[in-house]
Protein backbone atom coordinates (compact mmCIF):
# COMPACT_ATOMS: atom_id res chain seq x y z
CA UNK A 1 9.55 18.24 -39.35
CA UNK A 2 8.81 14.98 -37.47
CA UNK A 3 5.86 14.78 -35.12
CA UNK A 4 6.34 13.06 -31.76
CA UNK A 5 3.32 10.82 -31.14
CA UNK A 6 1.28 11.44 -28.04
CA UNK A 7 0.72 8.72 -25.45
CA UNK A 8 -2.68 8.01 -26.95
CA UNK A 9 -1.16 7.65 -30.45
CA UNK A 10 1.53 5.17 -29.44
CA UNK A 11 0.85 1.46 -30.06
CA UNK A 12 0.31 -0.65 -26.94
CA UNK A 13 3.39 -2.23 -25.32
CA UNK A 14 4.47 -5.67 -26.58
CA UNK A 15 6.44 -8.23 -24.57
CA UNK A 16 9.39 -8.87 -26.87
CA UNK A 17 11.83 -10.78 -24.66
CA UNK A 18 11.47 -12.94 -21.57
CA UNK A 19 14.50 -14.44 -19.82
CA UNK A 20 14.28 -16.82 -16.86
CA UNK A 21 17.15 -18.35 -14.89
CA UNK A 22 17.20 -20.59 -11.84
CA UNK A 23 13.43 -21.06 -11.51
CA UNK A 24 12.10 -24.55 -10.85
CA UNK A 25 13.49 -26.97 -13.39
CA UNK A 26 14.59 -24.09 -15.63
CA UNK A 27 18.30 -23.42 -15.58
CA UNK A 28 18.26 -20.66 -18.20
CA UNK A 29 15.88 -19.92 -21.09
CA UNK A 30 15.18 -16.94 -23.32
CA UNK A 31 12.03 -16.35 -25.38
CA UNK A 32 11.82 -13.78 -28.16
CA UNK A 33 8.07 -13.37 -28.41
CA UNK A 34 6.08 -12.16 -31.40
CA UNK A 35 2.98 -10.00 -31.66
CA UNK A 36 -0.25 -11.96 -31.93
CA UNK A 37 -0.74 -15.46 -30.54
CA UNK A 38 2.32 -17.11 -28.99
CA UNK A 39 1.91 -20.74 -27.95
CA UNK A 40 4.11 -22.67 -25.55
CA UNK A 41 3.95 -26.46 -25.62
CA UNK A 42 6.01 -29.37 -24.33
CA UNK A 43 5.75 -32.53 -22.31
CA UNK A 44 4.43 -32.42 -18.78
CA UNK A 45 7.15 -31.41 -16.34
CA UNK A 46 9.32 -29.68 -18.93
CA UNK A 47 8.87 -26.31 -17.24
CA UNK A 48 6.07 -24.57 -19.18
CA UNK A 49 4.18 -23.46 -16.09
CA UNK A 50 7.38 -22.01 -14.63
CA UNK A 51 7.28 -19.49 -17.47
CA UNK A 52 3.91 -18.29 -16.21
CA UNK A 53 5.22 -18.32 -12.63
CA UNK A 54 8.08 -16.07 -13.74
CA UNK A 55 5.61 -13.63 -15.26
CA UNK A 56 3.56 -13.68 -12.08
CA UNK A 57 6.69 -12.79 -10.10
CA UNK A 58 7.30 -9.89 -12.49
CA UNK A 59 3.79 -8.66 -11.69
CA UNK A 60 4.70 -8.54 -8.00
CA UNK A 61 3.16 -11.83 -6.89
CA UNK A 62 4.39 -13.39 -3.67
CA UNK A 63 7.46 -15.45 -4.52
CA UNK A 64 7.90 -19.00 -3.17
CA UNK A 65 11.63 -19.20 -2.45
CA UNK A 66 11.44 -22.99 -2.55
CA UNK A 67 10.95 -22.68 -6.32
CA UNK A 68 14.49 -21.40 -6.77
CA UNK A 69 16.39 -24.10 -8.65
CA UNK A 70 18.47 -26.35 -6.40
CA UNK A 71 22.05 -25.18 -6.17
CA UNK A 72 21.30 -21.65 -7.45
CA UNK A 73 21.80 -18.53 -5.34
CA UNK A 74 18.70 -16.88 -6.78
CA UNK A 75 16.09 -17.06 -9.50
CA UNK A 76 16.05 -14.15 -11.96
CA UNK A 77 13.22 -13.17 -14.31
CA UNK A 78 13.62 -10.34 -16.80
CA UNK A 79 11.20 -8.96 -19.37
CA UNK A 80 11.64 -6.38 -22.10
CA UNK A 81 8.66 -4.49 -23.52
CA UNK A 82 8.65 -2.65 -26.81
CA UNK A 83 6.84 0.54 -25.83
CA UNK A 84 6.51 2.23 -22.46
CA UNK A 85 3.13 1.99 -20.70
CA UNK A 86 1.72 5.09 -19.00
CA UNK A 87 1.95 3.23 -15.68
CA UNK A 88 5.75 3.31 -15.99
CA UNK A 89 5.94 7.05 -16.58
CA UNK A 90 7.61 7.69 -13.22
CA UNK A 91 10.41 5.24 -14.03
CA UNK A 92 11.30 5.72 -17.67
CA UNK A 93 10.91 8.38 -20.35
CA UNK A 94 8.25 7.22 -22.88
CA UNK A 95 10.53 8.47 -25.64
CA UNK A 96 13.02 5.72 -24.69
CA UNK A 97 10.73 3.31 -26.48
CA UNK A 98 11.26 0.26 -24.26
CA UNK A 99 10.84 -0.91 -20.69
CA UNK A 100 13.06 -3.44 -18.90
CA UNK A 101 11.78 -5.07 -15.69
CA UNK A 102 13.71 -7.53 -13.50
CA UNK A 103 12.81 -9.58 -10.41
CA UNK A 104 15.36 -11.54 -8.41
CA UNK A 105 14.32 -13.97 -5.66
CA UNK A 106 16.98 -15.36 -3.35
CA UNK A 107 17.10 -19.02 -2.43
CA UNK A 108 16.02 -19.98 1.06
CA UNK A 109 18.88 -19.38 3.46
CA UNK A 110 20.68 -17.04 1.06
CA UNK A 111 21.21 -13.46 2.16
CA UNK A 112 22.89 -12.15 -0.97
CA UNK A 113 19.76 -10.55 -2.41
CA UNK A 114 18.27 -7.39 -0.95
CA UNK A 115 16.92 -8.16 2.50
CA UNK A 116 17.91 -11.78 1.78
CA UNK A 117 14.64 -12.28 -0.06
CA UNK A 118 13.69 -10.40 -3.19
CA UNK A 119 14.54 -7.31 -5.18
CA UNK A 120 13.16 -5.66 -8.27
CA UNK A 121 14.45 -3.26 -10.91
CA UNK A 122 12.43 -1.10 -13.26
CA UNK A 123 14.38 0.43 -16.13
CA UNK A 124 17.57 -0.54 -14.29
CA UNK A 125 16.60 1.25 -11.07
CA UNK A 126 15.94 -0.55 -7.80
CA UNK A 127 12.22 -0.49 -6.99
CA UNK A 128 9.93 -1.85 -4.28
CA UNK A 129 8.50 -5.22 -5.30
CA UNK A 130 4.98 -3.84 -4.73
CA UNK A 131 5.62 -1.27 -7.48
CA UNK A 132 5.87 -4.05 -10.06
CA UNK A 133 2.11 -4.61 -9.89
CA UNK A 134 1.44 -0.88 -10.25
CA UNK A 135 3.57 -0.74 -13.39
CA UNK A 136 2.72 -4.06 -15.09
CA UNK A 137 -0.79 -5.06 -14.02
CA UNK A 138 -2.35 -2.56 -16.48
CA UNK A 139 -0.20 -4.18 -19.20
CA UNK A 140 -0.23 -7.93 -18.52
CA UNK A 141 -3.27 -10.04 -17.60
CA UNK A 142 -2.61 -13.62 -16.44
CA UNK A 143 -5.31 -16.28 -16.61
CA UNK A 144 -4.04 -19.08 -14.36
CA UNK A 145 -4.82 -22.79 -14.45
CA UNK A 146 -7.29 -22.55 -11.58
CA UNK A 147 -9.10 -19.41 -12.76
CA UNK A 148 -12.19 -21.38 -13.72
CA UNK A 149 -12.44 -22.75 -10.17
CA UNK A 150 -11.83 -19.34 -8.62
CA UNK A 151 -14.54 -17.89 -10.85
CA UNK A 152 -17.12 -19.53 -8.56
CA UNK A 153 -15.98 -17.22 -5.74
CA UNK A 154 -18.59 -14.43 -5.29
CA UNK A 155 -15.95 -11.91 -4.26
CA UNK A 156 -14.00 -12.53 -7.49
CA UNK A 157 -17.22 -12.30 -9.49
CA UNK A 158 -17.94 -8.90 -7.95
CA UNK A 159 -14.42 -7.65 -8.72
CA UNK A 160 -14.69 -8.82 -12.33
CA UNK A 161 -18.06 -7.15 -12.75
CA UNK A 162 -16.77 -3.89 -11.26
CA UNK A 163 -13.78 -4.01 -13.59
CA UNK A 164 -16.03 -4.49 -16.60
CA UNK A 165 -18.28 -1.66 -15.42
CA UNK A 166 -15.50 0.83 -16.02
CA UNK A 167 -15.88 4.48 -15.04
CA UNK A 168 -19.58 4.28 -14.24
CA UNK A 169 -19.14 1.56 -11.62
CA UNK A 170 -15.83 2.99 -10.37
CA UNK A 171 -17.43 6.40 -9.73
CA UNK A 172 -20.40 4.86 -7.93
CA UNK A 173 -18.08 2.61 -5.93
CA UNK A 174 -15.91 5.55 -4.85
CA UNK A 175 -18.99 7.45 -3.66
CA UNK A 176 -20.23 4.37 -1.79
CA UNK A 177 -16.85 3.74 -0.17
CA UNK A 178 -16.73 7.32 1.11
CA UNK A 179 -20.30 7.17 2.44
CA UNK A 180 -19.76 3.76 4.02
CA UNK A 181 -16.53 4.82 5.74
CA UNK A 182 -18.20 7.96 7.12
CA UNK A 183 -21.19 5.96 8.36
CA UNK A 184 -19.06 3.32 10.07
CA UNK A 185 -17.01 6.06 11.75
CA UNK A 186 -20.22 7.76 12.96
CA UNK A 187 -21.46 4.43 14.36
CA UNK A 188 -18.10 3.85 16.05
CA UNK A 189 -18.16 7.27 17.70
CA UNK A 190 -21.75 6.75 18.80
CA UNK A 191 -20.97 3.33 20.30
CA UNK A 192 -17.99 4.78 22.13
CA UNK A 193 -20.05 7.71 23.39
CA UNK A 194 -22.80 5.40 24.65
CA UNK A 195 -20.28 3.23 26.48
CA UNK A 196 -18.53 6.29 27.88
CA UNK A 197 -21.84 7.74 28.95
CA UNK A 198 -22.71 4.62 30.92
CA UNK A 199 -19.25 4.38 32.46
CA UNK A 200 -18.93 8.08 33.20
CA UNK A 201 -22.34 8.30 34.82
CA UNK A 202 -21.16 5.92 37.51
CA UNK A 203 -17.98 7.95 37.90
CA UNK A 204 -19.61 11.38 37.95
CA UNK A 205 -19.20 11.92 41.68
CA UNK A 206 -15.58 10.82 41.55
CA UNK A 207 -14.84 13.08 38.57
CA UNK A 208 -16.57 16.04 40.22
CA UNK A 209 -14.51 15.55 43.39
CA UNK A 210 -11.29 15.52 41.35
CA UNK A 211 -12.26 18.65 39.45
CA UNK A 212 -13.23 20.47 42.67
CA UNK A 213 -10.01 19.41 44.42
CA UNK A 214 -7.73 20.62 41.64
CA UNK A 215 -9.76 23.78 41.00
CA UNK A 216 -9.58 24.69 44.70
CA UNK A 217 -5.79 24.79 44.56
CA UNK A 218 -5.70 26.12 40.98
CA UNK A 219 -2.00 25.41 40.36
CA UNK A 220 -0.05 27.20 37.70
CA UNK A 221 2.23 25.21 35.41
CA UNK A 222 5.73 25.05 36.90
CA UNK A 223 4.55 26.57 40.19
CA UNK A 224 6.15 23.81 42.27
CA UNK A 225 9.61 24.85 41.06
CA UNK A 226 8.96 28.53 41.81
CA UNK A 227 7.73 27.68 45.31
CA UNK A 228 10.76 25.51 46.03
CA UNK A 229 13.00 28.45 45.11
CA UNK A 230 10.96 30.90 47.24
CA UNK A 231 10.94 28.59 50.28
CA UNK A 232 14.71 28.15 50.04
CA UNK A 233 15.11 31.93 49.95
CA UNK A 234 12.77 32.59 52.90
CA UNK A 235 14.30 29.85 55.07
CA UNK A 236 17.78 31.44 54.66
CA UNK A 237 16.72 35.10 54.55
CA UNK A 238 18.96 36.28 57.42
CA UNK A 239 22.12 34.64 56.13
CA UNK A 240 21.36 35.90 52.63
CA UNK A 241 20.93 39.45 53.93
CA UNK A 242 24.18 39.29 55.87
CA UNK A 243 26.05 38.07 52.82
CA UNK A 244 24.64 40.90 50.71
CA UNK A 245 25.53 43.54 53.33
CA UNK A 246 29.11 42.26 53.75
CA UNK A 247 29.60 42.12 49.98
CA UNK A 248 28.24 45.65 49.56
CA UNK A 249 30.59 46.99 52.25
CA UNK A 250 33.55 45.25 50.61
CA UNK A 251 32.74 47.01 47.39
CA UNK A 252 31.74 50.50 48.59
CA UNK A 253 33.26 50.94 52.09
CA UNK A 254 36.35 52.96 52.94
CA UNK A 255 39.34 51.43 51.18
CA UNK A 256 36.91 49.03 49.51
CA UNK A 257 37.11 47.63 45.99
CA UNK A 258 35.45 50.70 44.47
CA UNK A 259 38.06 53.04 45.97
CA UNK A 260 40.91 50.81 44.90
CA UNK A 261 39.58 50.57 41.35
CA UNK A 262 39.05 54.35 41.31
CA UNK A 263 42.68 54.97 42.32
CA UNK A 264 43.85 52.57 39.60
CA UNK A 265 41.76 54.32 36.97
CA UNK A 266 43.09 57.77 38.01
CA UNK A 267 46.72 56.60 37.91
CA UNK A 268 46.49 55.13 34.42
CA UNK A 269 44.35 57.93 33.05
CA UNK A 270 47.08 60.49 33.98
CA UNK A 271 49.69 58.82 31.77
CA UNK A 272 47.67 57.09 28.99
CA UNK A 273 48.43 59.91 26.54
CA UNK A 274 52.10 59.00 26.72
CA UNK A 275 51.60 55.38 25.57
CA UNK A 276 48.59 54.18 23.54
CA UNK A 277 49.15 50.61 24.79
CA UNK A 278 47.58 51.66 28.12
CA UNK A 279 44.28 52.52 26.45
CA UNK A 280 43.00 48.95 26.52
CA UNK A 281 43.95 48.30 30.19
CA UNK A 282 42.36 51.66 31.11
CA UNK A 283 39.11 50.71 29.39
CA UNK A 284 39.00 47.40 31.26
CA UNK A 285 39.68 49.19 34.62
CA UNK A 286 36.92 51.66 33.92
CA UNK A 287 34.56 48.79 33.06
CA UNK A 288 35.47 46.96 36.26
CA UNK A 289 34.82 50.12 38.29
CA UNK A 290 31.42 50.61 36.69
CA UNK A 291 30.58 46.90 37.16
CA UNK A 292 31.59 47.03 40.84
CA UNK A 293 29.38 50.08 41.37
CA UNK A 294 26.41 48.34 39.65
CA UNK A 295 26.86 45.13 41.64
CA UNK A 296 27.04 47.14 44.87
CA UNK A 297 23.74 48.87 44.04
CA UNK A 298 22.06 45.49 43.21
CA UNK A 299 23.31 43.83 46.42
CA UNK A 300 22.13 46.79 48.51
CA UNK A 301 18.68 46.64 46.89
CA UNK A 302 18.57 42.84 47.36
CA UNK A 303 19.34 43.17 51.08
CA UNK A 304 16.73 45.90 51.51
CA UNK A 305 14.02 43.90 49.69
CA UNK A 306 14.63 40.51 51.30
CA UNK A 307 11.53 39.50 53.26
CA UNK A 308 12.26 37.44 56.35
CA UNK A 309 8.61 37.46 57.49
CA UNK A 310 7.77 34.03 59.04
CA UNK A 311 4.19 34.41 57.79
CA UNK A 312 5.41 34.54 54.18
CA UNK A 313 7.35 31.36 54.78
CA UNK A 314 4.31 29.67 56.30
CA UNK A 315 2.16 30.68 53.34
CA UNK A 316 4.70 29.33 50.86
CA UNK A 317 5.08 26.06 52.76
CA UNK A 318 1.30 25.65 52.93
CA UNK A 319 0.91 26.30 49.22
CA UNK A 320 3.69 23.84 48.41
CA UNK A 321 2.06 21.19 50.58
CA UNK A 322 -1.27 21.63 48.77
CA UNK A 323 0.40 21.33 45.37
CA UNK A 324 2.42 18.35 46.60
CA UNK A 325 -0.81 16.57 47.45
CA UNK A 326 -2.04 17.09 43.88
CA UNK A 327 1.26 15.91 42.44
CA UNK A 328 1.08 12.66 44.41
CA UNK A 329 -2.37 11.96 42.92
CA UNK A 330 -2.16 13.39 39.43
CA UNK A 331 1.55 14.32 38.92
CA UNK A 332 4.43 14.16 38.65
CA UNK A 333 4.29 17.80 37.47
CA UNK A 334 1.76 20.61 37.70
CA UNK A 335 1.47 20.31 33.89
CA UNK A 336 0.18 16.77 34.39
CA UNK A 337 -2.23 17.98 37.08
CA UNK A 338 -3.61 20.67 34.77
CA UNK A 339 -3.97 18.10 31.93
CA UNK A 340 -5.84 15.75 34.27
CA UNK A 341 -8.17 18.60 35.23
CA UNK A 342 -8.95 19.23 31.55
CA UNK A 343 -9.63 15.53 30.89
CA UNK A 344 -11.80 15.13 33.96
CA UNK A 345 -13.69 18.31 33.10
CA UNK A 346 -14.32 17.06 29.55
CA UNK A 347 -15.60 13.70 30.77
CA UNK A 348 -17.76 15.43 33.34
CA UNK A 349 -19.14 17.67 30.60
CA UNK A 350 -20.03 14.55 28.59
CA UNK A 351 -21.97 13.24 31.56
CA UNK A 352 -23.65 16.54 32.29
CA UNK A 353 -24.44 17.17 28.60
CA UNK A 354 -24.46 13.52 27.54
CA UNK A 355 -28.07 13.26 26.44
CA UNK A 356 -27.74 16.19 24.07
CA UNK A 357 -24.47 14.90 22.60
CA UNK A 358 -25.84 11.36 22.23
CA UNK A 359 -28.88 12.70 20.41
CA UNK A 360 -26.61 14.57 18.00
CA UNK A 361 -24.42 11.52 17.41
CA UNK A 362 -27.46 9.32 16.80
CA UNK A 363 -28.72 11.81 14.24
CA UNK A 364 -25.32 11.78 12.50
CA UNK A 365 -25.29 7.97 12.41
CA UNK A 366 -28.82 7.90 10.97
CA UNK A 367 -27.86 10.47 8.33
CA UNK A 368 -24.81 8.38 7.49
CA UNK A 369 -26.93 5.28 7.08
CA UNK A 370 -29.26 7.15 4.73
CA UNK A 371 -26.28 8.29 2.68
CA UNK A 372 -25.03 4.70 2.48
CA UNK A 373 -28.46 3.52 1.38
CA UNK A 374 -28.53 6.09 -1.42
CA UNK A 375 -24.94 5.43 -2.52
CA UNK A 376 -25.55 1.68 -2.32
CA UNK A 377 -28.62 1.95 -4.53
CA UNK A 378 -26.62 3.93 -7.10
CA UNK A 379 -23.81 1.37 -7.04
CA UNK A 380 -26.26 -1.50 -7.39
CA UNK A 381 -27.93 0.19 -10.36
CA UNK A 382 -24.55 0.70 -12.05
CA UNK A 383 -23.64 -2.93 -11.41
CA UNK A 384 -26.93 -4.18 -12.83
CA UNK A 385 -26.40 -2.18 -16.01
CA UNK A 386 -22.88 -3.57 -16.32
CA UNK A 387 -24.11 -7.08 -15.47
CA UNK A 388 -26.62 -7.10 -18.31
CA UNK A 389 -24.01 -5.91 -20.80
CA UNK A 390 -21.36 -8.37 -19.58
CA UNK A 391 -23.81 -11.29 -19.71
CA UNK A 392 -24.70 -10.49 -23.35
CA UNK A 393 -21.03 -10.30 -24.34
CA UNK A 394 -20.14 -13.52 -22.50
CA UNK A 395 -23.03 -15.33 -24.20
CA UNK A 396 -21.67 -14.19 -27.57
CA UNK A 397 -18.23 -15.55 -26.75
CA UNK A 398 -19.69 -18.82 -25.44
CA UNK A 399 -21.56 -19.30 -28.72
CA UNK A 400 -18.21 -19.10 -30.49
CA UNK A 401 -16.80 -21.58 -27.97
CA UNK A 402 -19.24 -24.38 -28.91
CA UNK A 403 -21.83 -23.44 -26.28
CA UNK A 404 -24.51 -21.87 -28.52
CA UNK A 405 -27.39 -22.49 -26.14
CA UNK A 406 -25.64 -21.30 -22.98
CA UNK A 407 -27.19 -18.34 -21.23
CA UNK A 408 -25.36 -16.32 -18.62
CA UNK A 409 -27.12 -14.41 -15.88
CA UNK A 410 -25.25 -12.06 -13.57
CA UNK A 411 -27.54 -11.54 -10.62
CA UNK A 412 -27.12 -8.42 -8.51
CA UNK A 413 -29.38 -8.88 -5.49
CA UNK A 414 -30.04 -6.36 -2.73
CA UNK A 415 -28.29 -7.07 0.57
CA UNK A 416 -27.39 -5.32 3.78
CA UNK A 417 -24.71 -2.64 3.33
CA UNK A 418 -21.19 -3.95 3.68
CA UNK A 419 -17.66 -2.92 2.74
CA UNK A 420 -18.22 -3.80 -0.94
CA UNK A 421 -21.72 -2.49 -1.45
CA UNK A 422 -25.35 -3.13 -0.61
CA UNK A 423 -25.76 -6.12 -2.88
CA UNK A 424 -24.64 -9.66 -3.68
CA UNK A 425 -23.18 -10.51 -7.08
CA UNK A 426 -23.48 -14.04 -8.45
CA UNK A 427 -22.67 -15.45 -11.86
CA UNK A 428 -25.29 -18.00 -12.98
CA UNK A 429 -25.18 -20.26 -16.02
CA UNK A 430 -27.73 -22.30 -17.94
CA UNK A 431 -25.28 -24.42 -19.93
CA UNK A 432 -27.92 -26.03 -22.12
CA UNK A 433 -31.30 -25.13 -23.56
CA UNK A 434 -34.17 -25.65 -21.15
CA UNK A 435 -32.00 -25.70 -18.04
CA UNK A 436 -32.51 -23.18 -15.25
CA UNK A 437 -29.62 -20.85 -14.42
CA UNK A 438 -27.52 -22.20 -11.56
CA UNK A 439 -24.40 -21.09 -9.74
CA UNK A 440 -21.28 -21.80 -11.81
CA UNK A 441 -20.00 -24.46 -9.44
CA UNK A 442 -23.20 -26.50 -9.93
CA UNK A 443 -24.25 -25.58 -13.46
CA UNK A 444 -21.13 -26.36 -15.45
CA UNK A 445 -18.65 -29.15 -16.02
CA UNK A 446 -14.94 -28.46 -15.76
CA UNK A 447 -14.68 -27.84 -19.52
CA UNK A 448 -17.70 -25.55 -19.48
CA UNK A 449 -16.30 -23.57 -16.54
CA UNK A 450 -13.03 -23.17 -18.44
CA UNK A 451 -14.89 -21.71 -21.42
CA UNK A 452 -16.97 -19.41 -19.22
CA UNK A 453 -13.79 -18.16 -17.54
CA UNK A 454 -12.20 -17.60 -20.95
CA UNK A 455 -15.29 -15.76 -22.20
CA UNK A 456 -15.27 -13.48 -19.14
CA UNK A 457 -11.55 -12.78 -19.50
CA UNK A 458 -11.96 -11.94 -23.18
CA UNK A 459 -14.85 -9.60 -22.39
CA UNK A 460 -12.80 -7.84 -19.72
CA UNK A 461 -9.76 -7.58 -21.97
CA UNK A 462 -11.88 -5.95 -24.67
CA UNK A 463 -13.35 -3.57 -22.08
CA UNK A 464 -10.05 -2.23 -20.75
CA UNK A 465 -7.74 -2.89 -23.73
CA UNK A 466 -5.22 -5.06 -21.87
CA UNK A 467 -2.31 -5.30 -24.35
CA UNK A 468 -0.71 -8.58 -23.18
CA UNK A 469 -2.71 -11.63 -22.06
CA UNK A 470 -1.29 -14.87 -20.68
CA UNK A 471 -3.28 -18.11 -20.49
CA UNK A 472 -1.92 -21.08 -18.54
CA UNK A 473 -3.61 -24.28 -19.73
CA UNK A 474 -6.95 -22.62 -20.50
CA UNK A 475 -7.82 -25.88 -22.28
CA UNK A 476 -8.52 -27.87 -19.10
CA UNK A 477 -11.39 -30.31 -19.63
CA UNK A 478 -11.91 -29.62 -23.34
CA UNK A 479 -10.91 -31.24 -26.64
CA UNK A 480 -12.02 -31.93 -30.19
CA UNK A 481 -14.14 -29.28 -31.90
CA UNK A 482 -14.35 -27.29 -28.68
CA UNK A 483 -10.57 -27.05 -28.59
CA UNK A 484 -10.61 -25.70 -32.15
CA UNK A 485 -13.22 -23.13 -31.10
CA UNK A 486 -11.01 -22.05 -28.20
CA UNK A 487 -8.06 -21.78 -30.57
CA UNK A 488 -10.06 -19.60 -32.94
CA UNK A 489 -11.19 -17.41 -30.04
CA UNK A 490 -7.62 -16.91 -28.82
CA UNK A 491 -6.45 -16.15 -32.36
CA UNK A 492 -9.14 -13.47 -32.70
CA UNK A 493 -8.28 -12.17 -29.25
CA UNK A 494 -4.68 -11.81 -30.43
CA UNK A 495 -5.71 -9.49 -33.25
CA UNK A 496 -4.58 -6.11 -31.90
CA UNK A 497 -2.94 -7.48 -28.75
CA UNK A 498 -0.35 -10.05 -27.73
CA UNK A 499 -1.40 -13.41 -26.27
CA UNK A 500 0.84 -16.06 -24.70
CA UNK A 501 -0.81 -19.44 -24.16
CA UNK A 502 0.54 -22.56 -22.44
CA UNK A 503 -1.38 -25.54 -23.81
CA UNK A 504 -1.46 -29.31 -24.21
CA UNK A 505 -3.93 -29.21 -27.13
CA UNK A 506 -2.76 -29.45 -30.70
CA UNK A 507 -6.06 -27.96 -31.91
CA UNK A 508 -5.30 -24.79 -29.99
CA UNK A 509 -1.59 -24.67 -30.77
CA UNK A 510 -2.35 -24.83 -34.49
CA UNK A 511 -3.56 -21.22 -34.43
CA UNK A 512 -0.26 -19.81 -33.12
CA UNK A 513 1.55 -16.98 -34.85
CA UNK A 514 4.68 -18.14 -33.02
CA UNK A 515 5.04 -21.63 -31.57
CA UNK A 516 7.62 -22.41 -28.88
CA UNK A 517 8.38 -25.84 -27.46
CA UNK A 518 9.93 -26.46 -24.04
CA UNK A 519 12.07 -29.59 -23.64
CA UNK A 520 14.16 -31.00 -20.84
CA UNK A 521 17.10 -33.36 -20.91
CA UNK A 522 19.61 -34.90 -18.53
CA UNK A 523 23.04 -33.29 -18.61
CA UNK A 524 25.54 -34.96 -16.34
CA UNK A 525 24.13 -34.99 -12.82
CA UNK A 526 21.43 -32.43 -13.51
CA UNK A 527 18.47 -31.68 -15.78
CA UNK A 528 18.45 -28.72 -18.14
CA UNK A 529 15.57 -27.03 -19.94
CA UNK A 530 15.58 -25.33 -23.33
CA UNK A 531 13.00 -23.49 -25.38
CA UNK A 532 12.95 -23.26 -29.18
CA UNK A 533 10.77 -21.47 -31.68
CA UNK A 534 9.50 -23.99 -34.21
CA UNK A 535 9.55 -23.79 -37.98
CA UNK A 536 6.40 -24.70 -39.89
CA UNK A 537 7.57 -28.29 -40.44
CA UNK A 538 8.70 -28.64 -36.84
CA UNK A 539 5.28 -27.36 -35.76
CA UNK A 540 3.63 -30.22 -37.62
CA UNK A 541 5.90 -32.72 -35.85
CA UNK A 542 5.15 -31.17 -32.44
CA UNK A 543 1.40 -31.16 -33.12
CA UNK A 544 1.57 -34.81 -34.14
CA UNK A 545 3.28 -35.59 -30.84
CA UNK A 546 0.56 -33.72 -28.98
CA UNK A 547 -2.13 -35.65 -30.88
CA UNK A 548 -0.73 -39.16 -30.58
CA UNK A 549 2.05 -39.03 -28.02
CA UNK A 550 4.60 -40.01 -30.69
CA UNK A 551 6.36 -38.26 -33.58
CA UNK A 552 6.61 -41.27 -35.89
CA UNK A 553 2.88 -41.58 -36.67
CA UNK A 554 2.17 -40.70 -40.30
CA UNK A 555 -1.53 -40.43 -39.52
CA UNK A 556 -0.89 -38.02 -36.65
CA UNK A 557 1.49 -35.98 -38.83
CA UNK A 558 -1.12 -35.79 -41.57
CA UNK A 559 -3.74 -34.73 -39.05
CA UNK A 560 -1.35 -32.10 -37.66
CA UNK A 561 -0.85 -30.62 -41.12
CA UNK A 562 -4.60 -30.53 -41.64
CA UNK A 563 -4.95 -28.67 -38.35
CA UNK A 564 -2.35 -26.12 -39.41
CA UNK A 565 -4.04 -25.64 -42.77
CA UNK A 566 -7.46 -25.27 -41.15
CA UNK A 567 -6.11 -22.76 -38.63
CA UNK A 568 -4.49 -20.75 -41.43
CA UNK A 569 -7.88 -20.51 -43.15
CA UNK A 570 -9.38 -19.29 -39.84
């Protein structure tokens, strides 16, 4: 009997196929990627970075429609993963074994795509573009060209630290967020109450006059309609009575309708036994007779009860005038008048009991601030623990990246409470022995910042087991032995996960498990791009081109083979 593996037992997803069409200079390419370290090389402008752009679009990034290839209706990016991540559980059955994700971005001025802009599919089903990030961000991590520059941003540093801190920081952050939101709401309510108290105090006499005026009349909801009906009845009482009396006489007087209906009933009743067809007409005649009798009784009672007292009319007119005055001020209906009374009464109550309520709100705001202080201290403590651990790990990676004397400090300093905590996070670096730690932007050269960014990314990837990592020209500002160190680091990073790296450095490319080269060529009136996976011999030729700028150099070819041999030895 076969055992179905649980989600935890399944291997992590692997990006097996990536297809891009109509993006930038790329007309149409397809990459069949391998596990381990995949390297993408090629001359500048061949379209390597567009591959990373395509992946960013698949992760839900904002799409620049100007990047759609000229003359194309849309750019299409499609990726196939071997294995289904837990984040895609709502879209595809994990037992299916693979996940297909597609993003289409329409060209500017083209309305053929959904909403004329962009559409996405997950496992063949249309999906909101925002859902792409929910599904793929836990699977694919992209390290862009400018990551080392962005790493100097304190807000990014804080997010990276929180990510590394895992559950401990996430739990403390959630508690802080709840406390901070409650405190800010308490402060908002207090500020509003204090402003209302000042404003309402000056309006107290006006509010009290409104409340007294409405309370004196005390209208009932819908009373204006009832009064209008009563006034109409009282004003025409005599004519109404006469009509009722005449109608009653017509029904019940001598030779009236009741007598006529009675005679008709008697005539039919005498012969109904001779023909059953008369039963239904007889029933209707009997009903009409009974109805006429009932109506006569009601009209007689109506005439007897009709009040033509002028005083009643005066009272109704006076009441209607009083309500009309309220409607003109607070209307247009008595329901609106009653609502205004409630609002004015509430505001008046705030004024009359304002000091007590303000004291209570101030106490709530103070309690909220204390809660924020406690939650902030807990979050800061969790961040400091994570900061010390992350700094040690980054230092270890930097030592392997030809920076053996570099020391990283992640400072978490107390600060006033804010939306992200009660502290400031800053990454500091002493790049060389004897140097004081300084902010990254001042302490490191471009090459050093690139290595620090790589070290941080590797540490984070190890912390949350990101299965697919993408590096776009992580080699900026480095070369020589340092480039070899970066290559070794990426190769080790690719043990147990998949790495895709766009690079210009032969020393780094030499460590690839799969090496792809992107080339472009003129074809008629346009330029086309192609991508090929290189054989071992072709890899040596490509590395020699990267080393010397030419493929005919025997020295460069020999050096390239040495690089490949050295990388194979690790």
